[in-house]
Amino acid sequence: MESVGLDPDAVVEVISKGAAQSWQMENRAHTMAEGEFEFGFAVDWMRKDLDITLRTGRAYQARLPLTALVDQFYADVQAKGGSRWDTSSLISRLSD
């Protein structure tokens, strides 16, 4: 956000008033903007759960392309050293 001249606090204030409002927004927006990811559910655990979901999908011949994409994004976070970061660290992948 800052790279295009946006104030992260102002952006969060505006978008948190509408449909984007969520627990993650209220509790992690500031830490996400600061690049602090040492809090909750680790990326390793998220990938374990995504793997279970993807394997179950394959067993039932269900296509889960968005789940596979999110799993890949979290794999990218792991590759940059974020295995123990919480799931809000996904923003670090999207802002590269």
Protein backbone atom coordinates (compact mmCIF):
# COMPACT_ATOMS: atom_id res chain seq x y z
CA MET A 1 0.00 0.00 0.00
CA GLU A 2 2.73 2.43 0.93
CA SER A 3 4.50 1.80 -2.39
CA VAL A 4 1.56 3.45 -4.17
CA GLY A 5 1.20 6.27 -1.65
CA LEU A 6 -1.59 4.84 0.51
CA ASP A 7 -1.62 5.13 4.29
CA PRO A 8 -2.24 1.59 5.62
CA ASP A 9 -4.12 2.89 8.69
CA ALA A 10 -6.44 4.99 6.52
CA VAL A 11 -7.08 2.07 4.15
CA VAL A 12 -7.93 -0.24 7.04
CA GLU A 13 -10.24 2.36 8.56
CA VAL A 14 -12.16 2.74 5.31
CA ILE A 15 -12.46 -0.90 4.27
CA SER A 16 -13.22 -2.19 7.77
CA LYS A 17 -16.50 -0.29 7.74
CA GLY A 18 -18.02 -2.48 5.04
CA ALA A 19 -18.04 -6.10 3.93
CA ALA A 20 -14.30 -6.48 4.60
CA GLN A 21 -14.90 -6.14 8.35
CA SER A 22 -13.77 -9.30 10.11
CA TRP A 23 -11.96 -10.62 13.17
CA GLN A 24 -8.74 -10.72 11.13
CA MET A 25 -9.21 -7.09 10.11
CA GLU A 26 -9.87 -5.92 13.66
CA ASN A 27 -7.13 -7.96 15.32
CA ARG A 28 -4.37 -8.27 12.73
CA ALA A 29 -4.55 -5.26 10.38
CA HIS A 30 -2.01 -3.21 12.34
CA THR A 31 0.43 -6.10 12.83
CA MET A 32 0.08 -7.09 9.18
CA ALA A 33 0.96 -3.54 8.10
CA GLU A 34 3.98 -3.67 10.40
CA GLY A 35 5.11 -7.07 9.07
CA GLU A 36 4.61 -8.74 12.46
CA PHE A 37 3.36 -12.32 12.14
CA GLU A 38 4.30 -14.05 15.41
CA PHE A 39 0.82 -14.55 16.84
CA GLY A 40 -1.60 -17.30 15.99
CA PHE A 41 -2.24 -20.26 13.73
CA ALA A 42 1.05 -21.11 12.00
CA VAL A 43 1.46 -21.41 8.25
CA ASP A 44 2.76 -24.98 8.73
CA TRP A 45 -0.54 -25.92 10.38
CA MET A 46 -2.57 -24.17 7.70
CA ARG A 47 -0.72 -26.09 4.99
CA LYS A 48 -1.37 -29.35 6.85
CA ASP A 49 -5.08 -28.58 6.85
CA LEU A 50 -5.04 -27.48 3.21
CA ASP A 51 -3.28 -30.74 2.31
CA ILE A 52 -6.03 -32.74 4.04
CA THR A 53 -8.62 -30.74 2.12
CA LEU A 54 -6.87 -31.19 -1.22
CA ARG A 55 -6.35 -34.94 -0.70
CA THR A 56 -10.00 -35.35 0.29
CA GLY A 57 -11.04 -33.36 -2.76
CA ARG A 58 -9.00 -35.64 -5.02
CA ALA A 59 -10.51 -38.72 -3.37
CA TYR A 60 -13.98 -37.42 -4.23
CA GLN A 61 -12.94 -36.04 -7.61
CA ALA A 62 -13.75 -32.50 -6.49
CA ARG A 63 -11.90 -29.66 -8.17
CA LEU A 64 -10.55 -27.15 -5.66
CA PRO A 65 -8.49 -24.67 -7.69
CA LEU A 66 -8.73 -21.80 -5.21
CA THR A 67 -7.70 -24.05 -2.34
CA ALA A 68 -4.69 -25.19 -4.37
CA LEU A 69 -3.78 -21.57 -5.15
CA VAL A 70 -3.97 -20.54 -1.47
CA ASP A 71 -1.85 -23.57 -0.58
CA GLN A 72 0.75 -22.45 -3.12
CA PHE A 73 0.74 -18.93 -1.71
CA TYR A 74 1.36 -20.32 1.78
CA ALA A 75 4.15 -22.51 0.35
CA ASP A 76 5.72 -19.28 -0.92
CA VAL A 77 5.49 -17.83 2.61
CA GLN A 78 7.21 -20.96 3.96
CA ALA A 79 9.95 -20.61 1.35
CA LYS A 80 10.72 -17.11 2.60
CA GLY A 81 11.11 -18.38 6.17
CA GLY A 82 7.53 -17.96 7.39
CA SER A 83 6.71 -21.51 8.46
CA ARG A 84 5.92 -20.45 12.03
CA TRP A 85 4.35 -17.10 11.12
CA ASP A 86 0.61 -16.86 11.59
CA THR A 87 -1.77 -17.02 8.65
CA SER A 88 -1.99 -13.23 8.39
CA SER A 89 1.51 -13.47 6.90
CA LEU A 90 -0.13 -14.27 3.57
CA ILE A 91 -0.03 -10.53 2.97
CA SER A 92 3.77 -10.79 2.78
CA ARG A 93 3.36 -13.05 -0.26
CA LEU A 94 0.87 -10.77 -1.94
CA SER A 95 2.93 -7.63 -1.45
CA ASP A 96 6.15 -8.98 -2.98
